[in-house]
């Protein structure tokens, strides 16, 4: 098993925030066309795991924030992310997923 990504899970009330980044970009700052994006260790660094495990966690999360070639490409392949929803910063893809739940009154 290859440990490809860092996964950090935070739970707040009914919501689960999943932050995933490729291992090789943790701590880097990406700059492109006026955008500065820090792959912050406090936000992304958690447990190292393989992409298969990380992809399974997407299903259980309400908000997903992912950055890195390997994880974003895999999320697109699995149908979680549409290619047009990916922001590329300095050649590194970034995507977010927000699962909206309707309130029943």
N, C-alpha and C. Protein backbone atom coordinates (compact mmCIF):
# COMPACT_ATOMS: atom_id res chain seq x y z
N UNK A 1 0.84 -1.18 0.00
CA UNK A 1 0.00 0.00 0.00
C UNK A 1 0.89 1.25 0.00
N UNK A 2 0.60 2.15 -0.92
CA UNK A 2 1.35 3.40 -1.01
C UNK A 2 0.54 4.50 -0.34
N UNK A 3 1.16 5.22 0.58
CA UNK A 3 0.49 6.31 1.27
C UNK A 3 0.64 7.57 0.41
N UNK A 4 -0.42 7.91 -0.31
CA UNK A 4 -0.38 8.96 -1.32
C UNK A 4 -0.80 10.34 -0.83
N UNK A 5 -1.68 10.39 0.19
CA UNK A 5 -2.29 11.65 0.57
C UNK A 5 -2.34 11.82 2.09
N UNK A 6 -2.48 13.08 2.49
CA UNK A 6 -2.81 13.40 3.87
C UNK A 6 -4.30 13.65 3.93
N UNK A 7 -4.94 13.18 4.98
CA UNK A 7 -6.37 13.37 5.18
C UNK A 7 -6.59 13.92 6.58
N UNK A 8 -7.36 15.00 6.65
CA UNK A 8 -7.69 15.61 7.93
C UNK A 8 -9.21 15.73 8.00
N UNK A 9 -9.81 15.15 9.03
CA UNK A 9 -11.27 15.15 9.18
C UNK A 9 -11.64 15.99 10.38
N UNK A 10 -12.59 16.90 10.16
CA UNK A 10 -13.13 17.72 11.26
C UNK A 10 -14.64 17.56 11.25
N UNK A 11 -15.20 17.37 12.43
CA UNK A 11 -16.66 17.25 12.55
C UNK A 11 -17.19 18.42 13.36
N UNK A 12 -18.24 19.04 12.84
CA UNK A 12 -18.91 20.15 13.51
C UNK A 12 -20.40 19.95 13.36
N UNK A 13 -21.06 19.63 14.44
CA UNK A 13 -22.50 19.40 14.36
C UNK A 13 -22.81 18.27 13.39
N UNK A 14 -23.67 18.56 12.42
CA UNK A 14 -24.05 17.56 11.42
C UNK A 14 -23.08 17.49 10.24
N UNK A 15 -22.07 18.34 10.23
CA UNK A 15 -21.18 18.43 9.08
C UNK A 15 -19.83 17.77 9.33
N UNK A 16 -19.31 17.18 8.27
CA UNK A 16 -17.98 16.60 8.30
C UNK A 16 -17.16 17.25 7.19
N UNK A 17 -16.08 17.91 7.58
CA UNK A 17 -15.17 18.55 6.63
C UNK A 17 -13.99 17.62 6.42
N UNK A 18 -13.75 17.28 5.16
CA UNK A 18 -12.64 16.41 4.79
C UNK A 18 -11.65 17.21 3.97
N UNK A 19 -10.42 17.32 4.46
CA UNK A 19 -9.35 18.01 3.74
C UNK A 19 -8.35 16.96 3.28
N UNK A 20 -8.05 16.95 1.98
CA UNK A 20 -7.14 15.95 1.40
C UNK A 20 -6.11 16.66 0.53
N UNK A 21 -4.84 16.29 0.69
CA UNK A 21 -3.82 16.80 -0.23
C UNK A 21 -2.80 15.72 -0.54
N UNK A 22 -2.26 15.79 -1.75
CA UNK A 22 -1.18 14.90 -2.11
C UNK A 22 0.00 15.15 -1.15
N UNK A 23 0.66 14.10 -0.76
CA UNK A 23 1.75 14.21 0.23
C UNK A 23 2.85 15.17 -0.21
N UNK A 24 3.19 15.18 -1.48
CA UNK A 24 4.34 15.96 -1.95
C UNK A 24 4.11 17.47 -2.01
N UNK A 25 2.88 17.94 -1.79
CA UNK A 25 2.66 19.39 -1.86
C UNK A 25 2.33 20.01 -0.49
N UNK A 26 2.25 19.20 0.55
CA UNK A 26 1.96 19.74 1.88
C UNK A 26 2.99 20.80 2.26
N UNK A 27 2.50 21.94 2.72
CA UNK A 27 3.38 23.02 3.14
C UNK A 27 3.80 23.97 2.03
N UNK A 28 3.48 23.66 0.79
CA UNK A 28 3.87 24.51 -0.33
C UNK A 28 2.89 25.66 -0.50
N UNK A 29 3.38 26.74 -1.10
CA UNK A 29 2.54 27.87 -1.46
C UNK A 29 2.48 27.93 -2.98
N UNK A 30 1.27 27.91 -3.51
CA UNK A 30 1.04 27.96 -4.95
C UNK A 30 0.65 29.38 -5.33
N UNK A 31 1.26 29.91 -6.38
CA UNK A 31 0.95 31.28 -6.83
C UNK A 31 0.73 31.25 -8.34
N UNK A 32 -0.37 31.92 -8.74
CA UNK A 32 -0.70 31.94 -10.16
C UNK A 32 -1.77 32.99 -10.42
N UNK A 33 -1.51 33.91 -11.33
CA UNK A 33 -2.50 34.90 -11.77
C UNK A 33 -3.20 35.61 -10.62
N UNK A 34 -2.44 36.09 -9.67
CA UNK A 34 -3.01 36.83 -8.55
C UNK A 34 -3.57 35.96 -7.42
N UNK A 35 -3.51 34.65 -7.57
CA UNK A 35 -3.99 33.74 -6.53
C UNK A 35 -2.80 33.22 -5.73
N UNK A 36 -2.91 33.27 -4.43
CA UNK A 36 -1.92 32.65 -3.54
C UNK A 36 -2.67 31.62 -2.72
N UNK A 37 -2.23 30.38 -2.82
CA UNK A 37 -2.90 29.28 -2.13
C UNK A 37 -1.86 28.51 -1.33
N UNK A 38 -2.02 28.52 -0.01
CA UNK A 38 -1.10 27.83 0.88
C UNK A 38 -1.68 26.46 1.22
N UNK A 39 -0.94 25.41 0.95
CA UNK A 39 -1.35 24.05 1.33
C UNK A 39 -0.90 23.89 2.77
N UNK A 40 -1.70 24.48 3.64
CA UNK A 40 -1.39 24.68 5.04
C UNK A 40 -1.38 23.36 5.82
N UNK A 41 -0.30 23.13 6.55
CA UNK A 41 -0.18 21.90 7.35
C UNK A 41 -1.27 21.80 8.42
N UNK A 42 -1.63 22.92 9.02
CA UNK A 42 -2.65 22.91 10.06
C UNK A 42 -4.00 22.43 9.51
N UNK A 43 -4.29 22.77 8.27
CA UNK A 43 -5.56 22.40 7.67
C UNK A 43 -5.53 21.00 7.04
N UNK A 44 -4.47 20.69 6.29
CA UNK A 44 -4.43 19.45 5.51
C UNK A 44 -3.74 18.28 6.20
N UNK A 45 -2.74 18.56 7.03
CA UNK A 45 -1.97 17.44 7.58
C UNK A 45 -2.78 16.69 8.63
N UNK A 46 -2.93 15.43 8.39
CA UNK A 46 -3.64 14.55 9.30
C UNK A 46 -3.02 13.18 9.17
N UNK A 47 -3.83 12.23 8.83
CA UNK A 47 -3.38 10.85 8.68
C UNK A 47 -2.93 10.62 7.24
N UNK A 48 -1.80 9.92 7.07
CA UNK A 48 -1.37 9.51 5.74
C UNK A 48 -2.17 8.26 5.36
N UNK A 49 -2.68 8.25 4.12
CA UNK A 49 -3.40 7.07 3.66
C UNK A 49 -3.32 6.97 2.15
N UNK A 50 -3.76 5.82 1.63
CA UNK A 50 -3.76 5.67 0.18
C UNK A 50 -5.02 6.33 -0.39
N UNK A 51 -4.99 6.57 -1.67
CA UNK A 51 -6.08 7.27 -2.35
C UNK A 51 -7.39 6.50 -2.23
N UNK A 52 -7.34 5.19 -2.28
CA UNK A 52 -8.57 4.38 -2.18
C UNK A 52 -9.33 4.70 -0.89
N UNK A 53 -8.61 4.75 0.22
CA UNK A 53 -9.24 5.05 1.51
C UNK A 53 -9.80 6.48 1.52
N UNK A 54 -9.02 7.41 1.00
CA UNK A 54 -9.45 8.81 0.97
C UNK A 54 -10.71 8.98 0.13
N UNK A 55 -10.78 8.31 -0.99
CA UNK A 55 -11.97 8.39 -1.86
C UNK A 55 -13.20 7.86 -1.13
N UNK A 56 -13.04 6.79 -0.39
CA UNK A 56 -14.18 6.25 0.38
C UNK A 56 -14.70 7.25 1.41
N UNK A 57 -13.82 8.06 1.97
CA UNK A 57 -14.22 9.04 2.97
C UNK A 57 -15.05 10.18 2.38
N UNK A 58 -14.90 10.42 1.08
CA UNK A 58 -15.68 11.48 0.43
C UNK A 58 -17.17 11.23 0.60
N UNK A 59 -17.57 10.00 0.47
CA UNK A 59 -18.99 9.64 0.56
C UNK A 59 -19.58 9.99 1.93
N UNK A 60 -18.75 9.95 2.97
CA UNK A 60 -19.21 10.19 4.34
C UNK A 60 -19.09 11.65 4.77
N UNK A 61 -18.63 12.52 3.87
CA UNK A 61 -18.34 13.91 4.22
C UNK A 61 -19.35 14.86 3.59
N UNK A 62 -19.59 15.99 4.25
CA UNK A 62 -20.50 16.98 3.68
C UNK A 62 -19.74 18.07 2.94
N UNK A 63 -18.50 18.32 3.33
CA UNK A 63 -17.65 19.30 2.65
C UNK A 63 -16.29 18.65 2.42
N UNK A 64 -15.80 18.75 1.19
CA UNK A 64 -14.50 18.17 0.87
C UNK A 64 -13.66 19.25 0.19
N UNK A 65 -12.43 19.40 0.65
CA UNK A 65 -11.49 20.34 0.07
C UNK A 65 -10.26 19.52 -0.30
N UNK A 66 -9.93 19.49 -1.59
CA UNK A 66 -8.81 18.65 -2.02
C UNK A 66 -7.88 19.41 -2.94
N UNK A 67 -6.60 19.09 -2.83
CA UNK A 67 -5.60 19.73 -3.68
C UNK A 67 -4.50 18.72 -4.00
N UNK A 68 -4.13 18.69 -5.28
CA UNK A 68 -3.07 17.78 -5.73
C UNK A 68 -3.50 16.99 -6.95
N UNK A 69 -2.55 16.71 -7.79
CA UNK A 69 -2.81 16.00 -9.05
C UNK A 69 -3.45 14.63 -8.82
N UNK A 70 -2.88 13.84 -7.93
CA UNK A 70 -3.38 12.47 -7.74
C UNK A 70 -4.81 12.43 -7.18
N UNK A 71 -5.06 13.19 -6.11
CA UNK A 71 -6.37 13.10 -5.48
C UNK A 71 -7.47 13.72 -6.33
N UNK A 72 -7.20 14.85 -6.96
CA UNK A 72 -8.24 15.50 -7.77
C UNK A 72 -8.54 14.67 -9.02
N UNK A 73 -7.52 14.14 -9.67
CA UNK A 73 -7.76 13.30 -10.84
C UNK A 73 -8.59 12.07 -10.47
N UNK A 74 -8.29 11.47 -9.32
CA UNK A 74 -9.04 10.29 -8.90
C UNK A 74 -10.49 10.64 -8.56
N UNK A 75 -10.70 11.78 -7.92
CA UNK A 75 -12.05 12.22 -7.59
C UNK A 75 -12.85 12.49 -8.88
N UNK A 76 -12.20 13.02 -9.90
CA UNK A 76 -12.87 13.22 -11.19
C UNK A 76 -13.22 11.87 -11.82
N UNK A 77 -12.27 10.95 -11.79
CA UNK A 77 -12.49 9.62 -12.37
C UNK A 77 -13.67 8.91 -11.71
N UNK A 78 -13.83 9.10 -10.39
CA UNK A 78 -14.90 8.45 -9.64
C UNK A 78 -16.23 9.20 -9.76
N UNK A 79 -16.22 10.37 -10.42
CA UNK A 79 -17.45 11.13 -10.63
C UNK A 79 -17.82 12.09 -9.51
N UNK A 80 -16.93 12.33 -8.58
CA UNK A 80 -17.20 13.27 -7.50
C UNK A 80 -16.98 14.72 -7.91
N UNK A 81 -16.11 14.94 -8.87
CA UNK A 81 -15.75 16.30 -9.29
C UNK A 81 -15.86 16.39 -10.81
N UNK A 82 -16.54 17.44 -11.28
CA UNK A 82 -16.61 17.69 -12.72
C UNK A 82 -15.33 18.41 -13.13
N UNK A 83 -14.74 18.05 -14.26
CA UNK A 83 -13.48 18.69 -14.69
C UNK A 83 -13.56 20.22 -14.77
N UNK A 84 -14.72 20.76 -15.13
CA UNK A 84 -14.85 22.21 -15.24
C UNK A 84 -14.90 22.90 -13.88
N UNK A 85 -15.03 22.14 -12.81
CA UNK A 85 -15.09 22.71 -11.46
C UNK A 85 -13.71 22.75 -10.79
N UNK A 86 -12.68 22.35 -11.52
CA UNK A 86 -11.33 22.29 -10.96
C UNK A 86 -10.60 23.60 -11.24
N UNK A 87 -10.01 24.16 -10.20
CA UNK A 87 -9.18 25.35 -10.31
C UNK A 87 -7.72 24.89 -10.33
N UNK A 88 -6.97 25.28 -11.35
CA UNK A 88 -5.56 24.88 -11.44
C UNK A 88 -4.71 26.09 -11.06
N UNK A 89 -3.89 25.91 -10.03
CA UNK A 89 -3.02 26.97 -9.53
C UNK A 89 -1.58 26.48 -9.65
N UNK A 90 -0.78 27.16 -10.45
CA UNK A 90 0.62 26.76 -10.67
C UNK A 90 0.71 25.30 -11.12
N UNK A 91 -0.25 24.87 -11.93
CA UNK A 91 -0.24 23.51 -12.44
C UNK A 91 -0.79 22.46 -11.48
N UNK A 92 -1.24 22.88 -10.30
CA UNK A 92 -1.75 21.95 -9.29
C UNK A 92 -3.28 22.11 -9.20
N UNK A 93 -4.03 21.04 -9.41
CA UNK A 93 -5.49 21.14 -9.34
C UNK A 93 -6.02 21.22 -7.90
N UNK A 94 -7.09 22.00 -7.76
CA UNK A 94 -7.78 22.16 -6.47
C UNK A 94 -9.28 22.03 -6.75
N UNK A 95 -9.99 21.32 -5.89
CA UNK A 95 -11.44 21.17 -6.04
C UNK A 95 -12.11 21.11 -4.70
N UNK A 96 -13.38 21.51 -4.69
CA UNK A 96 -14.18 21.45 -3.47
C UNK A 96 -15.51 20.78 -3.79
N UNK A 97 -16.04 20.09 -2.80
CA UNK A 97 -17.35 19.46 -2.90
C UNK A 97 -18.15 19.94 -1.70
N UNK A 98 -19.37 20.38 -1.96
CA UNK A 98 -20.28 20.75 -0.87
C UNK A 98 -21.59 20.03 -1.11
N UNK A 99 -21.96 19.21 -0.19
CA UNK A 99 -23.22 18.48 -0.29
C UNK A 99 -24.28 19.28 0.45
N UNK A 100 -25.24 19.78 -0.29
CA UNK A 100 -26.29 20.62 0.27
C UNK A 100 -27.47 19.73 0.67
N UNK A 101 -27.90 19.89 1.88
CA UNK A 101 -29.06 19.13 2.37
C UNK A 101 -30.20 20.11 2.59
N UNK A 102 -31.37 19.74 2.11
CA UNK A 102 -32.53 20.58 2.30
C UNK A 102 -33.09 20.38 3.70
N UNK A 103 -33.53 21.46 4.28
CA UNK A 103 -34.17 21.38 5.59
C UNK A 103 -35.65 21.06 5.39
N UNK A 104 -36.16 20.22 6.22
CA UNK A 104 -37.57 19.89 6.18
C UNK A 104 -38.23 20.62 7.33
N UNK A 105 -39.20 21.44 7.01
CA UNK A 105 -39.87 22.25 8.04
C UNK A 105 -41.01 21.53 8.61
